[in-house]
Amino acid sequence: MTLRFHRALYAGTAIDAALGRFAQLANTGFDRREEVDHFVVEVTASSEARAKKIAHELANFALGLTIEQGGPDR
């Protein structure tokens, strides 16, 4: 499953922190890259349903961390 985090809404540091916290989930992999307007994260898991669930939780967590740190990277 592919997540696209717009740079105007998400902090790259928050995404990295979220990936670090979620990295310990069994049978889950993440591949992060950057595009001009987005941070892109590919989530792989033992099933598509699990990847989707983890991706949604990861996005929520990254948004929460972005808010805690005062917004997107400037």
Protein backbone atom coordinates (compact mmCIF):
# COMPACT_ATOMS: atom_id res chain seq x y z
CA MET A 1 0.00 0.00 0.00
CA THR A 2 1.29 3.44 -0.89
CA LEU A 3 0.94 6.47 1.37
CA ARG A 4 1.54 9.97 0.05
CA PHE A 5 2.12 12.63 2.72
CA HIS A 6 1.88 16.18 1.37
CA ARG A 7 4.73 18.37 2.58
CA ALA A 8 2.33 21.22 3.39
CA LEU A 9 0.57 19.02 5.96
CA TYR A 10 3.18 16.59 7.32
CA ALA A 11 6.64 16.97 8.81
CA GLY A 12 9.27 14.63 7.40
CA THR A 13 10.75 14.29 10.88
CA ALA A 14 7.35 13.17 12.19
CA ILE A 15 7.06 10.56 9.43
CA ASP A 16 10.54 9.27 10.26
CA ALA A 17 9.64 9.08 13.96
CA ALA A 18 6.40 7.22 13.16
CA LEU A 19 8.28 4.77 10.94
CA GLY A 20 10.72 4.16 13.77
CA ARG A 21 7.89 3.38 16.18
CA PHE A 22 6.09 1.09 13.73
CA ALA A 23 9.26 -0.68 12.53
CA GLN A 24 8.95 -3.30 15.23
CA LEU A 25 5.71 -4.70 13.85
CA ALA A 26 6.23 -8.28 12.74
CA ASN A 27 6.14 -8.97 9.01
CA THR A 28 5.88 -5.32 8.08
CA GLY A 29 8.21 -3.39 5.81
CA PHE A 30 8.50 0.27 4.91
CA ASP A 31 10.20 2.01 2.02
CA ARG A 32 10.35 5.81 2.26
CA ARG A 33 11.23 8.20 -0.54
CA GLU A 34 10.79 11.88 -1.23
CA GLU A 35 9.16 13.65 -4.13
CA VAL A 36 8.86 17.37 -4.78
CA ASP A 37 5.52 17.79 -2.98
CA HIS A 38 5.21 14.53 -1.04
CA PHE A 39 6.89 12.06 1.26
CA VAL A 40 5.99 8.61 -0.06
CA VAL A 41 5.91 5.47 2.06
CA GLU A 42 5.35 1.97 0.71
CA VAL A 43 3.93 -0.36 3.36
CA THR A 44 4.26 -4.12 2.94
CA ALA A 45 2.83 -6.71 5.31
CA SER A 46 1.76 -10.34 5.41
CA SER A 47 -1.58 -9.43 3.78
CA GLU A 48 -3.07 -6.47 1.95
CA ALA A 49 -5.62 -5.99 4.74
CA ARG A 50 -2.84 -5.80 7.35
CA ALA A 51 -0.82 -3.39 5.19
CA LYS A 52 -3.88 -1.15 4.83
CA LYS A 53 -4.57 -1.15 8.58
CA ILE A 54 -0.94 -0.40 9.44
CA ALA A 55 -0.75 2.31 6.77
CA HIS A 56 -3.79 4.10 8.18
CA GLU A 57 -2.47 3.92 11.75
CA LEU A 58 0.95 5.12 10.58
CA ALA A 59 -0.62 8.12 8.83
CA ASN A 60 -2.64 9.04 11.93
CA PHE A 61 0.42 8.73 14.16
CA ALA A 62 2.56 10.84 11.81
CA LEU A 63 -0.12 13.53 11.71
CA GLY A 64 -0.31 13.57 15.51
CA LEU A 65 3.46 13.94 15.76
CA THR A 66 3.39 16.73 13.18
CA ILE A 67 0.80 18.60 15.25
CA GLU A 68 2.80 18.05 18.45
CA GLN A 69 5.92 19.55 16.90
CA GLY A 70 4.05 22.62 15.66
CA GLY A 71 3.35 21.76 12.04
CA PRO A 72 5.21 20.72 8.89
CA ASP A 73 8.96 21.20 8.46
CA ARG A 74 9.78 24.72 7.43
